[in-house]
Amino acid sequence: LNLFTQSNPRIAESHSFNSILNQPTRYQQIMKRLIKRYVLKAQVDKENDEVNEGELKEIKQDISSLRYELLEDKSRATEELSFLIQKLSEKLKLGPTTRFYE
């Protein structure tokens, strides 16, 4: 007697019923797809946000660099203006008849 080769209709019927129950319904399939789509969109949005954050950091760095460059230019211009005022003051002390040569 070989029990494995004989098919019992009740076992086969039970097996097919269980396989039907274990198969996802159309609703479940659609929900899984929607969830996957939502998760992928959230990941893409997060990646785009990270790019934007990186761009913002780069812009902040550029603004900071520009600020220091402008401060250096202002410092040089102030020194040059001070030097020119000093030369003008010396020229005025010499009097109108004396010529000032650089």
PDB file of N, CA and C in Angstrom:
ATOM      1  N   LEU A   1       0.827  -1.167   0.000  1.00  0.00           N
ATOM      2  CA  LEU A   1       0.000   0.000   0.000  1.00  0.00           C
ATOM      3  C   LEU A   1       0.880   1.242   0.000  1.00  0.00           C
ATOM      4  N   ASN A   2       0.730   2.024  -0.978  1.00  0.00           N
ATOM      5  CA  ASN A   2       1.506   3.248  -1.051  1.00  0.00           C
ATOM      6  C   ASN A   2       0.559   4.421  -0.787  1.00  0.00           C
ATOM      7  N   LEU A   3       0.749   5.086   0.318  1.00  0.00           N
ATOM      8  CA  LEU A   3      -0.143   6.186   0.692  1.00  0.00           C
ATOM      9  C   LEU A   3       0.149   7.472  -0.085  1.00  0.00           C
ATOM     10  N   PHE A   4       1.363   7.570  -0.583  1.00  0.00           N
ATOM     11  CA  PHE A   4       1.755   8.808  -1.250  1.00  0.00           C
ATOM     12  C   PHE A   4       1.227   8.903  -2.674  1.00  0.00           C
ATOM     13  N   THR A   5       0.991   7.782  -3.307  1.00  0.00           N
ATOM     14  CA  THR A   5       0.537   7.825  -4.691  1.00  0.00           C
ATOM     15  C   THR A   5      -0.963   7.937  -4.810  1.00  0.00           C
ATOM     16  N   GLN A   6      -1.665   7.492  -3.812  1.00  0.00           N
ATOM     17  CA  GLN A   6      -3.122   7.576  -3.868  1.00  0.00           C
ATOM     18  C   GLN A   6      -3.546   8.988  -3.476  1.00  0.00           C
ATOM     19  N   SER A   7      -4.450   9.529  -4.231  1.00  0.00           N
ATOM     20  CA  SER A   7      -4.904  10.861  -3.887  1.00  0.00           C
ATOM     21  C   SER A   7      -6.239  10.773  -3.186  1.00  0.00           C
ATOM     22  N   ASN A   8      -6.310  11.461  -2.116  1.00  0.00           N
ATOM     23  CA  ASN A   8      -7.531  11.514  -1.341  1.00  0.00           C
ATOM     24  C   ASN A   8      -8.264  12.773  -1.783  1.00  0.00           C
ATOM     25  N   PRO A   9      -9.471  12.698  -2.307  1.00  0.00           N
ATOM     26  CA  PRO A   9     -10.169  13.881  -2.802  1.00  0.00           C
ATOM     27  C   PRO A   9     -10.425  14.917  -1.717  1.00  0.00           C
ATOM     28  N   ARG A  10     -10.634  14.470  -0.519  1.00  0.00           N
ATOM     29  CA  ARG A  10     -10.894  15.408   0.569  1.00  0.00           C
ATOM     30  C   ARG A  10      -9.633  16.219   0.887  1.00  0.00           C
ATOM     31  N   ILE A  11      -8.454  15.554   0.885  1.00  0.00           N
ATOM     32  CA  ILE A  11      -7.186  16.249   1.137  1.00  0.00           C
ATOM     33  C   ILE A  11      -6.888  17.218  -0.001  1.00  0.00           C
ATOM     34  N   ALA A  12      -7.119  16.786  -1.228  1.00  0.00           N
ATOM     35  CA  ALA A  12      -6.888  17.654  -2.381  1.00  0.00           C
ATOM     36  C   ALA A  12      -7.810  18.861  -2.323  1.00  0.00           C
ATOM     37  N   GLU A  13      -9.067  18.643  -1.966  1.00  0.00           N
ATOM     38  CA  GLU A  13     -10.023  19.735  -1.860  1.00  0.00           C
ATOM     39  C   GLU A  13      -9.611  20.702  -0.759  1.00  0.00           C
ATOM     40  N   SER A  14      -9.176  20.167   0.357  1.00  0.00           N
ATOM     41  CA  SER A  14      -8.728  20.988   1.470  1.00  0.00           C
ATOM     42  C   SER A  14      -7.485  21.787   1.082  1.00  0.00           C
ATOM     43  N   HIS A  15      -6.577  21.121   0.365  1.00  0.00           N
ATOM     44  CA  HIS A  15      -5.340  21.792  -0.068  1.00  0.00           C
ATOM     45  C   HIS A  15      -5.653  22.941  -1.027  1.00  0.00           C
ATOM     46  N   SER A  16      -6.550  22.734  -1.982  1.00  0.00           N
ATOM     47  CA  SER A  16      -6.882  23.792  -2.936  1.00  0.00           C
ATOM     48  C   SER A  16      -7.618  24.934  -2.238  1.00  0.00           C
ATOM     49  N   PHE A  17      -8.452  24.637  -1.258  1.00  0.00           N
ATOM     50  CA  PHE A  17      -9.147  25.677  -0.505  1.00  0.00           C
ATOM     51  C   PHE A  17      -8.147  26.528   0.281  1.00  0.00           C
ATOM     52  N   ASN A  18      -7.156  25.863   0.927  1.00  0.00           N
ATOM     53  CA  ASN A  18      -6.122  26.594   1.669  1.00  0.00           C
ATOM     54  C   ASN A  18      -5.272  27.445   0.736  1.00  0.00           C
ATOM     55  N   SER A  19      -4.962  26.928  -0.442  1.00  0.00           N
ATOM     56  CA  SER A  19      -4.153  27.717  -1.372  1.00  0.00           C
ATOM     57  C   SER A  19      -4.925  28.938  -1.850  1.00  0.00           C
ATOM     58  N   ILE A  20      -6.232  28.801  -1.995  1.00  0.00           N
ATOM     59  CA  ILE A  20      -7.052  29.955  -2.378  1.00  0.00           C
ATOM     60  C   ILE A  20      -7.063  30.978  -1.248  1.00  0.00           C
ATOM     61  N   LEU A  21      -7.181  30.515  -0.025  1.00  0.00           N
ATOM     62  CA  LEU A  21      -7.183  31.434   1.115  1.00  0.00           C
ATOM     63  C   LEU A  21      -5.839  32.135   1.276  1.00  0.00           C
ATOM     64  N   ASN A  22      -4.760  31.431   0.960  1.00  0.00           N
ATOM     65  CA  ASN A  22      -3.428  32.007   1.127  1.00  0.00           C
ATOM     66  C   ASN A  22      -3.046  32.957  -0.005  1.00  0.00           C
ATOM     67  N   GLN A  23      -3.759  32.906  -1.120  1.00  0.00           N
ATOM     68  CA  GLN A  23      -3.460  33.824  -2.215  1.00  0.00           C
ATOM     69  C   GLN A  23      -3.975  35.214  -1.855  1.00  0.00           C
ATOM     70  N   PRO A  24      -3.175  36.223  -2.154  1.00  0.00           N
ATOM     71  CA  PRO A  24      -3.632  37.577  -1.823  1.00  0.00           C
ATOM     72  C   PRO A  24      -4.809  37.979  -2.706  1.00  0.00           C
ATOM     73  N   THR A  25      -5.708  38.705  -2.126  1.00  0.00           N
ATOM     74  CA  THR A  25      -6.862  39.191  -2.883  1.00  0.00           C
ATOM     75  C   THR A  25      -6.430  40.362  -3.751  1.00  0.00           C
ATOM     76  N   ARG A  26      -7.285  40.737  -4.667  1.00  0.00           N
ATOM     77  CA  ARG A  26      -6.982  41.878  -5.548  1.00  0.00           C
ATOM     78  C   ARG A  26      -6.775  43.140  -4.706  1.00  0.00           C
ATOM     79  N   TYR A  27      -7.600  43.305  -3.694  1.00  0.00           N
ATOM     80  CA  TYR A  27      -7.468  44.453  -2.796  1.00  0.00           C
ATOM     81  C   TYR A  27      -6.091  44.466  -2.138  1.00  0.00           C
ATOM     82  N   GLN A  28      -5.651  43.300  -1.643  1.00  0.00           N
ATOM     83  CA  GLN A  28      -4.341  43.220  -0.993  1.00  0.00           C
ATOM     84  C   GLN A  28      -3.220  43.530  -1.981  1.00  0.00           C
ATOM     85  N   GLN A  29      -3.343  43.039  -3.208  1.00  0.00           N
ATOM     86  CA  GLN A  29      -2.322  43.320  -4.220  1.00  0.00           C
ATOM     87  C   GLN A  29      -2.254  44.812  -4.519  1.00  0.00           C
ATOM     88  N   ILE A  30      -3.413  45.420  -4.670  1.00  0.00           N
ATOM     89  CA  ILE A  30      -3.455  46.860  -4.955  1.00  0.00           C
ATOM     90  C   ILE A  30      -2.872  47.648  -3.792  1.00  0.00           C
ATOM     91  N   MET A  31      -3.220  47.263  -2.573  1.00  0.00           N
ATOM     92  CA  MET A  31      -2.695  47.962  -1.398  1.00  0.00           C
ATOM     93  C   MET A  31      -1.182  47.824  -1.312  1.00  0.00           C
ATOM     94  N   LYS A  32      -0.645  46.635  -1.603  1.00  0.00           N
ATOM     95  CA  LYS A  32       0.808  46.447  -1.582  1.00  0.00           C
ATOM     96  C   LYS A  32       1.481  47.342  -2.608  1.00  0.00           C
ATOM     97  N   ARG A  33       0.879  47.421  -3.805  1.00  0.00           N
ATOM     98  CA  ARG A  33       1.446  48.286  -4.851  1.00  0.00           C
ATOM     99  C   ARG A  33       1.408  49.752  -4.435  1.00  0.00           C
ATOM    100  N   LEU A  34       0.285  50.162  -3.853  1.00  0.00           N
ATOM    101  CA  LEU A  34       0.170  51.553  -3.401  1.00  0.00           C
ATOM    102  C   LEU A  34       1.198  51.868  -2.316  1.00  0.00           C
ATOM    103  N   ILE A  35       1.385  50.943  -1.401  1.00  0.00           N
ATOM    104  CA  ILE A  35       2.367  51.149  -0.330  1.00  0.00           C
ATOM    105  C   ILE A  35       3.767  51.238  -0.910  1.00  0.00           C
ATOM    106  N   LYS A  36       4.093  50.343  -1.852  1.00  0.00           N
ATOM    107  CA  LYS A  36       5.413  50.397  -2.498  1.00  0.00           C
ATOM    108  C   LYS A  36       5.611  51.728  -3.205  1.00  0.00           C
ATOM    109  N   ARG A  37       4.572  52.161  -3.931  1.00  0.00           N
ATOM    110  CA  ARG A  37       4.656  53.430  -4.655  1.00  0.00           C
ATOM    111  C   ARG A  37       4.871  54.594  -3.684  1.00  0.00           C
ATOM    112  N   TYR A  38       4.133  54.572  -2.574  1.00  0.00           N
ATOM    113  CA  TYR A  38       4.264  55.627  -1.567  1.00  0.00           C
ATOM    114  C   TYR A  38       5.670  55.640  -0.967  1.00  0.00           C
ATOM    115  N   VAL A  39       6.190  54.463  -0.627  1.00  0.00           N
ATOM    116  CA  VAL A  39       7.526  54.368  -0.024  1.00  0.00           C
ATOM    117  C   VAL A  39       8.586  54.853  -1.007  1.00  0.00           C
ATOM    118  N   LEU A  40       8.485  54.427  -2.276  1.00  0.00           N
ATOM    119  CA  LEU A  40       9.456  54.871  -3.280  1.00  0.00           C
ATOM    120  C   LEU A  40       9.394  56.380  -3.477  1.00  0.00           C
ATOM    121  N   LYS A  41       8.177  56.934  -3.521  1.00  0.00           N
ATOM    122  CA  LYS A  41       8.039  58.387  -3.679  1.00  0.00           C
ATOM    123  C   LYS A  41       8.638  59.115  -2.482  1.00  0.00           C
ATOM    124  N   ALA A  42       8.405  58.590  -1.295  1.00  0.00           N
ATOM    125  CA  ALA A  42       8.969  59.209  -0.088  1.00  0.00           C
ATOM    126  C   ALA A  42      10.491  59.176  -0.133  1.00  0.00           C
ATOM    127  N   GLN A  43      11.067  58.067  -0.611  1.00  0.00           N
ATOM    128  CA  GLN A  43      12.526  57.971  -0.716  1.00  0.00           C
ATOM    129  C   GLN A  43      13.061  58.971  -1.729  1.00  0.00           C
ATOM    130  N   VAL A  44      12.395  59.094  -2.881  1.00  0.00           N
ATOM    131  CA  VAL A  44      12.830  60.044  -3.907  1.00  0.00           C
ATOM    132  C   VAL A  44      12.724  61.466  -3.377  1.00  0.00           C
ATOM    133  N   ASP A  45      11.619  61.781  -2.701  1.00  0.00           N
ATOM    134  CA  ASP A  45      11.458  63.119  -2.127  1.00  0.00           C
ATOM    135  C   ASP A  45      12.550  63.409  -1.107  1.00  0.00           C
ATOM    136  N   LYS A  46      12.891  62.422  -0.301  1.00  0.00           N
ATOM    137  CA  LYS A  46      13.942  62.608   0.701  1.00  0.00           C
ATOM    138  C   LYS A  46      15.281  62.870   0.019  1.00  0.00           C
ATOM    139  N   GLU A  47      15.566  62.125  -1.056  1.00  0.00           N
ATOM    140  CA  GLU A  47      16.814  62.339  -1.792  1.00  0.00           C
ATOM    141  C   GLU A  47      16.842  63.738  -2.387  1.00  0.00           C
ATOM    142  N   ASN A  48      15.704  64.195  -2.926  1.00  0.00           N
ATOM    143  CA  ASN A  48      15.646  65.544  -3.485  1.00  0.00           C
ATOM    144  C   ASN A  48      15.840  66.589  -2.397  1.00  0.00           C
ATOM    145  N   ASP A  49      15.277  66.352  -1.224  1.00  0.00           N
ATOM    146  CA  ASP A  49      15.464  67.276  -0.110  1.00  0.00           C
ATOM    147  C   ASP A  49      16.924  67.339   0.300  1.00  0.00           C
ATOM    148  N   GLU A  50      17.595  66.193   0.297  1.00  0.00           N
ATOM    149  CA  GLU A  50      19.007  66.172   0.664  1.00  0.00           C
ATOM    150  C   GLU A  50      19.824  66.973  -0.332  1.00  0.00           C
ATOM    151  N   VAL A  51      19.470  66.884  -1.609  1.00  0.00           N
ATOM    152  CA  VAL A  51      20.167  67.669  -2.623  1.00  0.00           C
ATOM    153  C   VAL A  51      19.935  69.144  -2.344  1.00  0.00           C
ATOM    154  N   ASN A  52      18.710  69.510  -2.043  1.00  0.00           N
ATOM    155  CA  ASN A  52      18.407  70.905  -1.758  1.00  0.00           C
ATOM    156  C   ASN A  52      19.145  71.385  -0.515  1.00  0.00           C
ATOM    157  N   GLU A  53      19.246  70.535   0.506  1.00  0.00           N
ATOM    158  CA  GLU A  53      19.994  70.912   1.703  1.00  0.00           C
ATOM    159  C   GLU A  53      21.460  71.116   1.358  1.00  0.00           C
ATOM    160  N   GLY A  54      21.996  70.261   0.504  1.00  0.00           N
ATOM    161  CA  GLY A  54      23.385  70.408   0.075  1.00  0.00           C
ATOM    162  C   GLY A  54      23.594  71.696  -0.689  1.00  0.00           C
ATOM    163  N   GLU A  55      22.642  72.017  -1.555  1.00  0.00           N
ATOM    164  CA  GLU A  55      22.733  73.266  -2.305  1.00  0.00           C
ATOM    165  C   GLU A  55      22.646  74.459  -1.365  1.00  0.00           C
ATOM    166  N   LEU A  56      21.787  74.383  -0.363  1.00  0.00           N
ATOM    167  CA  LEU A  56      21.671  75.478   0.597  1.00  0.00           C
ATOM    168  C   LEU A  56      22.966  75.665   1.378  1.00  0.00           C
ATOM    169  N   LYS A  57      23.594  74.566   1.764  1.00  0.00           N
ATOM    170  CA  LYS A  57      24.869  74.661   2.475  1.00  0.00           C
ATOM    171  C   LYS A  57      25.921  75.311   1.588  1.00  0.00           C
ATOM    172  N   GLU A  58      25.918  74.960   0.303  1.00  0.00           N
ATOM    173  CA  GLU A  58      26.877  75.545  -0.633  1.00  0.00           C
ATOM    174  C   GLU A  58      26.631  77.043  -0.790  1.00  0.00           C
ATOM    175  N   ILE A  59      25.374  77.443  -0.870  1.00  0.00           N
ATOM    176  CA  ILE A  59      25.039  78.867  -0.980  1.00  0.00           C
ATOM    177  C   ILE A  59      25.472  79.611   0.278  1.00  0.00           C
ATOM    178  N   LYS A  60      25.232  79.022   1.447  1.00  0.00           N
ATOM    179  CA  LYS A  60      25.667  79.649   2.702  1.00  0.00           C
ATOM    180  C   LYS A  60      27.182  79.824   2.718  1.00  0.00           C
ATOM    181  N   GLN A  61      27.901  78.819   2.236  1.00  0.00           N
ATOM    182  CA  GLN A  61      29.362  78.889   2.180  1.00  0.00           C
ATOM    183  C   GLN A  61      29.794  80.021   1.250  1.00  0.00           C
ATOM    184  N   ASP A  62      29.141  80.130   0.086  1.00  0.00           N
ATOM    185  CA  ASP A  62      29.469  81.194  -0.861  1.00  0.00           C
ATOM    186  C   ASP A  62      29.202  82.569  -0.258  1.00  0.00           C
ATOM    187  N   ILE A  63      28.093  82.709   0.443  1.00  0.00           N
ATOM    188  CA  ILE A  63      27.763  83.993   1.073  1.00  0.00           C
ATOM    189  C   ILE A  63      28.796  84.340   2.135  1.00  0.00           C
ATOM    190  N   SER A  64      29.196  83.356   2.915  1.00  0.00           N
ATOM    191  CA  SER A  64      30.206  83.581   3.949  1.00  0.00           C
ATOM    192  C   SER A  64      31.534  84.006   3.322  1.00  0.00           C
ATOM    193  N   SER A  65      31.922  83.336   2.241  1.00  0.00           N
ATOM    194  CA  SER A  65      33.166  83.695   1.552  1.00  0.00           C
ATOM    195  C   SER A  65      33.088  85.115   1.006  1.00  0.00           C
ATOM    196  N   LEU A  66      31.957  85.452   0.396  1.00  0.00           N
ATOM    197  CA  LEU A  66      31.773  86.796  -0.141  1.00  0.00           C
ATOM    198  C   LEU A  66      31.863  87.831   0.970  1.00  0.00           C
ATOM    199  N   ARG A  67      31.289  87.539   2.106  1.00  0.00           N
ATOM    200  CA  ARG A  67      31.329  88.466   3.248  1.00  0.00           C
ATOM    201  C   ARG A  67      32.771  88.769   3.649  1.00  0.00           C
ATOM    202  N   TYR A  68      33.590  87.714   3.772  1.00  0.00           N
ATOM    203  CA  TYR A  68      34.979  87.928   4.169  1.00  0.00           C
ATOM    204  C   TYR A  68      35.768  88.662   3.089  1.00  0.00           C
ATOM    205  N   GLU A  69      35.474  88.379   1.820  1.00  0.00           N
ATOM    206  CA  GLU A  69      36.140  89.115   0.745  1.00  0.00           C
ATOM    207  C   GLU A  69      35.780  90.594   0.800  1.00  0.00           C
ATOM    208  N   LEU A  70      34.503  90.896   1.040  1.00  0.00           N
ATOM    209  CA  LEU A  70      34.074  92.292   1.131  1.00  0.00           C
ATOM    210  C   LEU A  70      34.707  92.990   2.334  1.00  0.00           C
ATOM    211  N   LEU A  71      34.830  92.289   3.446  1.00  0.00           N
ATOM    212  CA  LEU A  71      35.485  92.880   4.617  1.00  0.00           C
ATOM    213  C   LEU A  71      36.955  93.183   4.337  1.00  0.00           C
ATOM    214  N   GLU A  72      37.631  92.275   3.612  1.00  0.00           N
ATOM    215  CA  GLU A  72      39.032  92.515   3.252  1.00  0.00           C
ATOM    216  C   GLU A  72      39.155  93.712   2.318  1.00  0.00           C
ATOM    217  N   ASP A  73      38.259  93.793   1.320  1.00  0.00           N
ATOM    218  CA  ASP A  73      38.278  94.934   0.397  1.00  0.00           C
ATOM    219  C   ASP A  73      38.024  96.239   1.146  1.00  0.00           C
ATOM    220  N   LYS A  74      37.097  96.222   2.077  1.00  0.00           N
ATOM    221  CA  LYS A  74      36.794  97.419   2.865  1.00  0.00           C
ATOM    222  C   LYS A  74      38.012  97.826   3.693  1.00  0.00           C
ATOM    223  N   SER A  75      38.688  96.857   4.268  1.00  0.00           N
ATOM    224  CA  SER A  75      39.873  97.140   5.072  1.00  0.00           C
ATOM    225  C   SER A  75      40.963  97.775   4.210  1.00  0.00           C
ATOM    226  N   ARG A  76      41.192  97.199   3.010  1.00  0.00           N
ATOM    227  CA  ARG A  76      42.204  97.775   2.106  1.00  0.00           C
ATOM    228  C   ARG A  76      41.820  99.183   1.676  1.00  0.00           C
ATOM    229  N   ALA A  77      40.546  99.397   1.355  1.00  0.00           N
ATOM    230  CA  ALA A  77      40.090 100.723   0.933  1.00  0.00           C
ATOM    231  C   ALA A  77      40.237 101.728   2.071  1.00  0.00           C
ATOM    232  N   THR A  78      39.977 101.305   3.301  1.00  0.00           N
ATOM    233  CA  THR A  78      40.129 102.190   4.458  1.00  0.00           C
ATOM    234  C   THR A  78      41.589 102.577   4.650  1.00  0.00           C
ATOM    235  N   GLU A  79      42.488 101.604   4.500  1.00  0.00           N
ATOM    236  CA  GLU A  79      43.922 101.898   4.619  1.00  0.00           C
ATOM    237  C   GLU A  79      44.368 102.874   3.533  1.00  0.00           C
ATOM    238  N   GLU A  80      43.898 102.644   2.307  1.00  0.00           N
ATOM    239  CA  GLU A  80      44.280 103.533   1.202  1.00  0.00           C
ATOM    240  C   GLU A  80      43.732 104.935   1.426  1.00  0.00           C
ATOM    241  N   LEU A  81      42.493 105.031   1.888  1.00  0.00           N
ATOM    242  CA  LEU A  81      41.894 106.332   2.166  1.00  0.00           C
ATOM    243  C   LEU A  81      42.654 107.047   3.279  1.00  0.00           C
ATOM    244  N   SER A  82      43.040 106.319   4.298  1.00  0.00           N
ATOM    245  CA  SER A  82      43.817 106.901   5.394  1.00  0.00           C
ATOM    246  C   SER A  82      45.149 107.438   4.879  1.00  0.00           C
ATOM    247  N   PHE A  83      45.801 106.667   4.015  1.00  0.00           N
ATOM    248  CA  PHE A  83      47.080 107.091   3.443  1.00  0.00           C
ATOM    249  C   PHE A  83      46.897 108.358   2.604  1.00  0.00           C
ATOM    250  N   LEU A  84      45.836 108.410   1.793  1.00  0.00           N
ATOM    251  CA  LEU A  84      45.588 109.589   0.956  1.00  0.00           C
ATOM    252  C   LEU A  84      45.254 110.819   1.801  1.00  0.00           C
ATOM    253  N   ILE A  85      44.512 110.631   2.877  1.00  0.00           N
ATOM    254  CA  ILE A  85      44.198 111.758   3.776  1.00  0.00           C
ATOM    255  C   ILE A  85      45.473 112.282   4.419  1.00  0.00           C
ATOM    256  N   GLN A  86      46.349 111.369   4.803  1.00  0.00           N
ATOM    257  CA  GLN A  86      47.616 111.775   5.413  1.00  0.00           C
ATOM    258  C   GLN A  86      48.460 112.568   4.411  1.00  0.00           C
ATOM    259  N   LYS A  87      48.525 112.118   3.159  1.00  0.00           N
ATOM    260  CA  LYS A  87      49.289 112.840   2.136  1.00  0.00           C
ATOM    261  C   LYS A  87      48.697 114.222   1.897  1.00  0.00           C
ATOM    262  N   LEU A  88      47.366 114.300   1.848  1.00  0.00           N
ATOM    263  CA  LEU A  88      46.705 115.584   1.638  1.00  0.00           C
ATOM    264  C   LEU A  88      46.976 116.524   2.802  1.00  0.00           C
ATOM    265  N   SER A  89      46.952 115.986   4.002  1.00  0.00           N
ATOM    266  CA  SER A  89      47.226 116.797   5.188  1.00  0.00           C
ATOM    267  C   SER A  89      48.649 117.347   5.146  1.00  0.00           C
ATOM    268  N   GLU A  90      49.602 116.509   4.758  1.00  0.00           N
ATOM    269  CA  GLU A  90      50.995 116.958   4.655  1.00  0.00           C
ATOM    270  C   GLU A  90      51.138 118.024   3.581  1.00  0.00           C
ATOM    271  N   LYS A  91      50.438 117.863   2.483  1.00  0.00           N
ATOM    272  CA  LYS A  91      50.512 118.832   1.388  1.00  0.00           C
ATOM    273  C   LYS A  91      49.945 120.178   1.833  1.00  0.00           C
ATOM    274  N   LEU A  92      48.861 120.150   2.597  1.00  0.00           N
ATOM    275  CA  LEU A  92      48.263 121.391   3.072  1.00  0.00           C
ATOM    276  C   LEU A  92      49.171 122.095   4.082  1.00  0.00           C
ATOM    277  N   LYS A  93      49.941 121.318   4.853  1.00  0.00           N
ATOM    278  CA  LYS A  93      50.857 121.912   5.832  1.00  0.00           C
ATOM    279  C   LYS A  93      52.022 122.605   5.146  1.00  0.00           C
ATOM    280  N   LEU A  94      52.411 122.105   3.975  1.00  0.00           N
ATOM    281  CA  LEU A  94      53.546 122.692   3.266  1.00  0.00           C
ATOM    282  C   LEU A  94      53.206 124.070   2.720  1.00  0.00           C
ATOM    283  N   GLY A  95      51.970 124.333   2.485  1.00  0.00           N
ATOM    284  CA  GLY A  95      51.572 125.643   2.012  1.00  0.00           C
ATOM    285  C   GLY A  95      51.267 125.620   0.528  1.00  0.00           C
ATOM    286  N   PRO A  96      50.627 126.691   0.052  1.00  0.00           N
ATOM    287  CA  PRO A  96      50.199 126.736  -1.342  1.00  0.00           C
ATOM    288  C   PRO A  96      51.357 126.980  -2.309  1.00  0.00           C
ATOM    289  N   THR A  97      52.441 127.581  -1.863  1.00  0.00           N
ATOM    290  CA  THR A  97      53.533 127.904  -2.782  1.00  0.00           C
ATOM    291  C   THR A  97      54.456 126.718  -3.001  1.00  0.00           C
ATOM    292  N   THR A  98      54.508 125.820  -2.070  1.00  0.00           N
ATOM    293  CA  THR A  98      55.402 124.670  -2.191  1.00  0.00           C
ATOM    294  C   THR A  98      54.713 123.581  -2.994  1.00  0.00           C
ATOM    295  N   ARG A  99      55.467 123.057  -3.941  1.00  0.00           N
ATOM    296  CA  ARG A  99      54.910 121.970  -4.750  1.00  0.00           C
ATOM    297  C   ARG A  99      55.238 120.639  -4.100  1.00  0.00           C
ATOM    298  N   PHE A 100      54.292 119.769  -4.191  1.00  0.00           N
ATOM    299  CA  PHE A 100      54.457 118.441  -3.599  1.00  0.00           C
ATOM    300  C   PHE A 100      54.598 117.426  -4.725  1.00  0.00           C
ATOM    301  N   TYR A 101      55.746 116.729  -4.716  1.00  0.00           N
ATOM    302  CA  TYR A 101      55.979 115.707  -5.738  1.00  0.00           C
ATOM    303  C   TYR A 101      55.991 114.352  -5.077  1.00  0.00           C
ATOM    304  N   GLU A 102      55.398 113.415  -5.742  1.00  0.00           N
ATOM    305  CA  GLU A 102      55.378 112.057  -5.211  1.00  0.00           C
ATOM    306  C   GLU A 102      56.602 111.318  -5.641  1.00  0.00           C
TER     307      GLU A 102
END
